[in-house]
C-alpha atoms as a PDB file:
ATOM      1  CA  MET A   1      13.866  -8.737  -9.371  1.00  0.00           C
ATOM      2  CA  ILE A   2      16.320  -8.583  -6.449  1.00  0.00           C
ATOM      3  CA  PRO A   3      15.097  -6.190  -3.578  1.00  0.00           C
ATOM      4  CA  ARG A   4      18.142  -5.620  -1.148  1.00  0.00           C
ATOM      5  CA  THR A   5      18.474  -4.945   2.426  1.00  0.00           C
ATOM      6  CA  PHE A   6      20.501  -1.730   3.372  1.00  0.00           C
ATOM      7  CA  PRO A   7      20.244   0.487   6.515  1.00  0.00           C
ATOM      8  CA  PRO A   8      18.119   3.404   6.307  1.00  0.00           C
ATOM      9  CA  ALA A   9      19.373   6.871   5.604  1.00  0.00           C
ATOM     10  CA  PRO A  10      20.563   8.690   8.413  1.00  0.00           C
ATOM     11  CA  GLY A  11      18.104  11.630   7.526  1.00  0.00           C
ATOM     12  CA  TRP A  12      17.950  14.868   5.347  1.00  0.00           C
ATOM     13  CA  SER A  13      20.809  16.783   3.822  1.00  0.00           C
ATOM     14  CA  PRO A  14      21.486  20.367   4.851  1.00  0.00           C
ATOM     15  CA  ASP A  15      19.867  21.670   1.716  1.00  0.00           C
ATOM     16  CA  GLY A  16      16.548  19.870   2.526  1.00  0.00           C
ATOM     17  CA  HIS A  17      16.863  16.749   0.240  1.00  0.00           C
ATOM     18  CA  ARG A  18      16.321  13.085   1.506  1.00  0.00           C
ATOM     19  CA  ILE A  19      19.741  11.244   1.468  1.00  0.00           C
ATOM     20  CA  LYS A  20      19.788   8.150  -0.505  1.00  0.00           C
ATOM     21  CA  SER A  21      21.748   4.977   0.926  1.00  0.00           C
ATOM     22  CA  GLU A  22      24.092   3.320  -1.599  1.00  0.00           C
ATOM     23  CA  VAL A  23      22.459   0.021  -2.667  1.00  0.00           C
ATOM     24  CA  ASP A  24      24.499  -3.016  -1.921  1.00  0.00           C
ATOM     25  CA  TYR A  25      25.193  -4.933  -4.867  1.00  0.00           C
ATOM     26  CA  GLY A  26      27.458  -7.419  -2.865  1.00  0.00           C
ATOM     27  CA  ARG A  27      26.640 -11.218  -2.752  1.00  0.00           C
ATOM     28  CA  GLY A  28      25.528 -12.901   0.599  1.00  0.00           C
ATOM     29  CA  PRO A  29      22.906 -14.351   2.764  1.00  0.00           C
ATOM     30  CA  GLU A  30      20.809 -11.086   2.903  1.00  0.00           C
ATOM     31  CA  LYS A  31      20.037 -11.058  -0.859  1.00  0.00           C
ATOM     32  CA  THR A  32      16.341 -11.926  -1.457  1.00  0.00           C
ATOM     33  CA  TRP A  33      15.241 -12.658  -4.958  1.00  0.00           C
ATOM     34  CA  VAL A  34      11.177 -12.198  -6.148  1.00  0.00           C
ATOM     35  CA  TYR A  35       9.720 -14.463  -8.431  1.00  0.00           C
ATOM     36  CA  GLY A  36       6.263 -13.450 -10.064  1.00  0.00           C
ATOM     37  CA  ALA A  37       3.801 -14.930 -12.711  1.00  0.00           C
ATOM     38  CA  LEU A  38       1.090 -12.985 -14.257  1.00  0.00           C
ATOM     39  CA  ARG A  39      -1.897 -14.979 -15.287  1.00  0.00           C
ATOM     40  CA  VAL A  40      -3.084 -12.337 -18.322  1.00  0.00           C
ATOM     41  CA  ARG A  41      -6.571 -13.634 -18.772  1.00  0.00           C
ATOM     42  CA  ASP A  42      -7.796 -12.025 -15.308  1.00  0.00           C
ATOM     43  CA  GLY A  43      -4.763 -10.026 -13.875  1.00  0.00           C
ATOM     44  CA  HIS A  44      -3.973 -12.302 -10.849  1.00  0.00           C
ATOM     45  CA  GLU A  45       0.077 -12.515  -9.753  1.00  0.00           C
ATOM     46  CA  ILE A  46       1.575 -15.270  -8.069  1.00  0.00           C
ATOM     47  CA  THR A  47       5.077 -14.227  -6.281  1.00  0.00           C
ATOM     48  CA  MET A  48       7.515 -16.003  -4.273  1.00  0.00           C
ATOM     49  CA  THR A  49      10.630 -14.817  -2.410  1.00  0.00           C
ATOM     50  CA  ALA A  50      13.877 -17.149  -2.310  1.00  0.00           C
ATOM     51  CA  SER A  51      17.363 -16.634  -1.116  1.00  0.00           C
ATOM     52  CA  SER A  52      18.662 -17.855  -4.286  1.00  0.00           C
ATOM     53  CA  ARG A  53      18.136 -17.627  -8.128  1.00  0.00           C
ATOM     54  CA  ASN A  54      18.595 -21.414  -8.993  1.00  0.00           C
ATOM     55  CA  SER A  55      16.849 -24.374 -10.766  1.00  0.00           C
ATOM     56  CA  ALA A  56      15.764 -25.619  -7.416  1.00  0.00           C
ATOM     57  CA  PHE A  57      13.782 -22.699  -6.223  1.00  0.00           C
ATOM     58  CA  TYR A  58      12.411 -21.915  -9.870  1.00  0.00           C
ATOM     59  CA  GLN A  59      10.884 -25.433  -9.746  1.00  0.00           C
ATOM     60  CA  GLN A  60       9.302 -24.580  -6.664  1.00  0.00           C
ATOM     61  CA  PHE A  61       7.989 -21.444  -8.360  1.00  0.00           C
ATOM     62  CA  LEU A  62       6.615 -23.636 -11.155  1.00  0.00           C
ATOM     63  CA  GLN A  63       4.922 -25.986  -8.785  1.00  0.00           C
ATOM     64  CA  LYS A  64       3.248 -22.981  -7.097  1.00  0.00           C
ATOM     65  CA  ILE A  65       1.843 -21.968 -10.399  1.00  0.00           C
ATOM     66  CA  GLU A  66       0.732 -25.182 -11.480  1.00  0.00           C
ATOM     67  CA  THR A  67      -1.120 -25.636  -8.177  1.00  0.00           C
ATOM     68  CA  ALA A  68      -3.024 -22.006  -8.691  1.00  0.00           C
ATOM     69  CA  ASN A  69      -3.955 -23.152 -12.244  1.00  0.00           C
ATOM     70  CA  PRO A  70      -5.427 -26.683 -11.692  1.00  0.00           C
ATOM     71  CA  ALA A  71      -7.018 -27.120 -15.155  1.00  0.00           C
ATOM     72  CA  GLY A  72      -5.815 -26.506 -18.690  1.00  0.00           C
ATOM     73  CA  ASP A  73      -2.421 -25.946 -20.340  1.00  0.00           C
ATOM     74  CA  ILE A  74      -0.023 -23.298 -18.618  1.00  0.00           C
ATOM     75  CA  TYR A  75       2.463 -21.217 -20.796  1.00  0.00           C
ATOM     76  CA  VAL A  76       5.235 -19.745 -18.860  1.00  0.00           C
ATOM     77  CA  VAL A  77       6.958 -16.788 -20.924  1.00  0.00           C
ATOM     78  CA  THR A  78      10.263 -16.329 -19.433  1.00  0.00           C
ATOM     79  CA  ASP A  79      13.669 -15.134 -20.531  1.00  0.00           C
ATOM     80  CA  ASN A  80      16.777 -17.158 -20.923  1.00  0.00           C
ATOM     81  CA  LEU A  81      18.111 -17.462 -17.750  1.00  0.00           C
ATOM     82  CA  SER A  82      20.083 -20.703 -17.110  1.00  0.00           C
ATOM     83  CA  SER A  83      17.991 -21.934 -14.222  1.00  0.00           C
ATOM     84  CA  HIS A  84      14.726 -21.749 -16.587  1.00  0.00           C
ATOM     85  CA  ASN A  85      16.494 -24.266 -19.054  1.00  0.00           C
ATOM     86  CA  SER A  86      18.830 -26.130 -16.730  1.00  0.00           C
ATOM     87  CA  LEU A  87      18.757 -30.101 -17.244  1.00  0.00           C
ATOM     88  CA  SER A  88      16.869 -30.314 -13.801  1.00  0.00           C
ATOM     89  CA  THR A  89      14.264 -27.912 -14.845  1.00  0.00           C
ATOM     90  CA  ARG A  90      13.644 -29.597 -18.229  1.00  0.00           C
ATOM     91  CA  THR A  91      13.702 -33.003 -16.631  1.00  0.00           C
ATOM     92  CA  TRP A  92      11.003 -31.723 -14.126  1.00  0.00           C
ATOM     93  CA  LEU A  93       8.826 -30.231 -16.927  1.00  0.00           C
ATOM     94  CA  GLU A  94       8.756 -33.949 -18.590  1.00  0.00           C
ATOM     95  CA  ASP A  95       6.847 -34.835 -15.446  1.00  0.00           C
ATOM     96  CA  HIS A  96       4.579 -31.785 -15.506  1.00  0.00           C
ATOM     97  CA  PRO A  97       3.438 -31.716 -19.277  1.00  0.00           C
ATOM     98  CA  ARG A  98       0.781 -28.931 -18.710  1.00  0.00           C
ATOM     99  CA  ILE A  99       3.589 -26.470 -18.196  1.00  0.00           C
ATOM    100  CA  ARG A 100       4.843 -25.389 -21.466  1.00  0.00           C
ATOM    101  CA  HIS A 101       7.923 -22.934 -21.522  1.00  0.00           C
ATOM    102  CA  VAL A 102       7.956 -20.060 -24.304  1.00  0.00           C
ATOM    103  CA  PHE A 103      11.091 -18.283 -24.153  1.00  0.00           C
ATOM    104  CA  ILE A 104      11.353 -14.518 -24.872  1.00  0.00           C
ATOM    105  CA  PRO A 105      14.060 -13.104 -27.536  1.00  0.00           C
ATOM    106  CA  VAL A 106      17.185 -12.033 -26.305  1.00  0.00           C
ATOM    107  CA  GLY A 107      16.820  -8.059 -25.507  1.00  0.00           C
ATOM    108  CA  ALA A 108      12.901  -8.243 -26.091  1.00  0.00           C
ATOM    109  CA  CYS A 109      11.597  -8.059 -22.656  1.00  0.00           C
ATOM    110  CA  TRP A 110       9.289  -5.596 -23.564  1.00  0.00           C
ATOM    111  CA  LEU A 111       7.268  -8.769 -24.919  1.00  0.00           C
ATOM    112  CA  ASN A 112       6.488 -10.244 -21.250  1.00  0.00           C
ATOM    113  CA  LEU A 113       3.254  -8.415 -20.043  1.00  0.00           C
ATOM    114  CA  GLN A 114       4.807  -9.423 -16.533  1.00  0.00           C
ATOM    115  CA  GLU A 115       7.400  -6.761 -17.049  1.00  0.00           C
ATOM    116  CA  GLY A 116       4.521  -3.976 -16.930  1.00  0.00           C
ATOM    117  CA  TRP A 117       3.370  -5.652 -13.570  1.00  0.00           C
ATOM    118  CA  TRP A 118       6.853  -5.510 -12.054  1.00  0.00           C
ATOM    119  CA  ARG A 119       6.607  -1.656 -12.498  1.00  0.00           C
ATOM    120  CA  ILE A 120       3.260  -1.702 -10.591  1.00  0.00           C
ATOM    121  CA  PHE A 121       4.938  -4.315  -7.930  1.00  0.00           C
ATOM    122  CA  ARG A 122       8.178  -2.348  -7.315  1.00  0.00           C
ATOM    123  CA  LYS A 123       5.903   1.131  -6.689  1.00  0.00           C
ATOM    124  CA  ALA A 124       3.544  -0.626  -4.335  1.00  0.00           C
ATOM    125  CA  ALA A 125       5.988  -2.951  -2.395  1.00  0.00           C
ATOM    126  CA  LEU A 126       9.279  -1.546  -2.642  1.00  0.00           C
ATOM    127  CA  ALA A 127       9.447   2.101  -3.228  1.00  0.00           C
ATOM    128  CA  GLY A 128      10.900   4.184  -0.401  1.00  0.00           C
ATOM    129  CA  GLN A 129      11.058   0.971   1.473  1.00  0.00           C
ATOM    130  CA  SER A 130      14.244   0.062   4.071  1.00  0.00           C
ATOM    131  CA  PHE A 131      14.112  -3.573   4.766  1.00  0.00           C
ATOM    132  CA  ALA A 132      16.032  -5.112   7.726  1.00  0.00           C
ATOM    133  CA  GLY A 133      15.899  -8.711   6.444  1.00  0.00           C
ATOM    134  CA  PRO A 134      14.497 -10.893   3.979  1.00  0.00           C
ATOM    135  CA  PRO A 135      11.566 -11.871   6.411  1.00  0.00           C
ATOM    136  CA  GLU A 136      10.545  -7.995   5.853  1.00  0.00           C
ATOM    137  CA  ILE A 137      10.955  -8.526   2.104  1.00  0.00           C
ATOM    138  CA  ASP A 138       8.725 -11.477   2.032  1.00  0.00           C
ATOM    139  CA  GLN A 139       5.935  -9.964   4.186  1.00  0.00           C
ATOM    140  CA  ALA A 140       6.029  -6.715   1.591  1.00  0.00           C
ATOM    141  CA  THR A 141       6.162  -9.070  -1.265  1.00  0.00           C
ATOM    142  CA  ARG A 142       3.039 -11.048   0.272  1.00  0.00           C
ATOM    143  CA  LEU A 143       1.240  -7.793   1.226  1.00  0.00           C
ATOM    144  CA  ALA A 144       1.585  -6.258  -2.065  1.00  0.00           C
ATOM    145  CA  THR A 145       0.527  -9.100  -4.187  1.00  0.00           C
ATOM    146  CA  ALA A 146      -2.726  -9.594  -2.344  1.00  0.00           C
ATOM    147  CA  GLN A 147      -3.491  -5.712  -2.647  1.00  0.00           C
ATOM    148  CA  LEU A 148      -2.712  -5.755  -5.983  1.00  0.00           C
ATOM    149  CA  ASN A 149      -4.754  -8.868  -6.659  1.00  0.00           C
ATOM    150  CA  THR A 150      -7.787  -7.330  -5.255  1.00  0.00           C
ATOM    151  CA  GLN A 151      -7.775  -4.733  -8.166  1.00  0.00           C
ATOM    152  CA  ALA A 152      -6.710  -7.224 -10.833  1.00  0.00           C
ATOM    153  CA  ARG A 153      -8.198  -7.296 -14.404  1.00  0.00           C
ATOM    154  CA  PRO A 154      -7.398  -8.838 -17.394  1.00  0.00           C
ATOM    155  CA  TRP A 155      -3.860  -7.353 -19.426  1.00  0.00           C
ATOM    156  CA  ILE A 156      -3.980  -6.537 -22.725  1.00  0.00           C
ATOM    157  CA  TRP A 157      -0.836  -6.099 -24.861  1.00  0.00           C
ATOM    158  CA  GLY A 158      -0.775  -2.673 -26.559  1.00  0.00           C
ATOM    159  CA  ARG A 159      -2.304   0.849 -26.213  1.00  0.00           C
ATOM    160  CA  PRO A 160      -6.210   0.880 -24.997  1.00  0.00           C
ATOM    161  CA  THR A 161      -8.921   1.622 -27.497  1.00  0.00           C
ATOM    162  CA  PRO A 162      -9.383   5.344 -28.217  1.00  0.00           C
ATOM    163  CA  SER A 163     -12.804   6.395 -26.291  1.00  0.00           C
ATOM    164  CA  THR A 164     -15.984   6.488 -28.067  1.00  0.00           C
ATOM    165  CA  ARG A 165     -17.020   9.706 -26.671  1.00  0.00           C
ATOM    166  CA  VAL A 166     -18.860  12.282 -29.058  1.00  0.00           C
ATOM    167  CA  LEU A 167     -17.337  15.899 -29.127  1.00  0.00           C
ATOM    168  CA  ARG A 168     -20.262  18.434 -28.938  1.00  0.00           C
ATOM    169  CA  ARG A 169     -18.195  20.922 -30.950  1.00  0.00           C
ATOM    170  CA  GLN A 170     -15.677  20.865 -33.128  1.00  0.00           C
ATOM    171  CA  TYR A 171     -13.686  23.902 -34.176  1.00  0.00           C
ATOM    172  CA  VAL A 172     -12.145  24.266 -37.541  1.00  0.00           C
ATOM    173  CA  TYR A 173      -9.407  26.708 -37.861  1.00  0.00           C
ATOM    174  CA  SER A 174      -8.847  28.456 -41.501  1.00  0.00           C
ATOM    175  CA  VAL A 175      -5.596  30.465 -42.219  1.00  0.00           C
END
């Protein structure tokens, strides 16, 4: 995920609608990437901001995941980004045998439970925001992650089970 900085909109349009700023898709030093990992069993999230999406920052993030999960095996479900499968990352993973990569098939991001969390995170941290620079994005990321972790609960893939509520009356219509 990449929140970008852009100047705030000048105000309201003559017909009363909010003016939307164009998102800047250019490359440059003001770009900030947000890495995230969801611990499915309890719903806690680990996030980290970085100025680039490369192997070095990805390995820093994996180290952060390993530190937050001191015992047991760690399965990282990830897409096929080159930094996730680079030679330096594979070498780093050899020194950290508890971490195992599971790559999702191309075009099947819905298999990753993290994607649902990103939707909630974007709404909590980034929706309607205008950031002056990377430090503000980092602060918004840390704050939203902390707030969402206070309400964390286990993530389950699929539809929740239907209610066991018994209806008092049932109506049968016949034609």
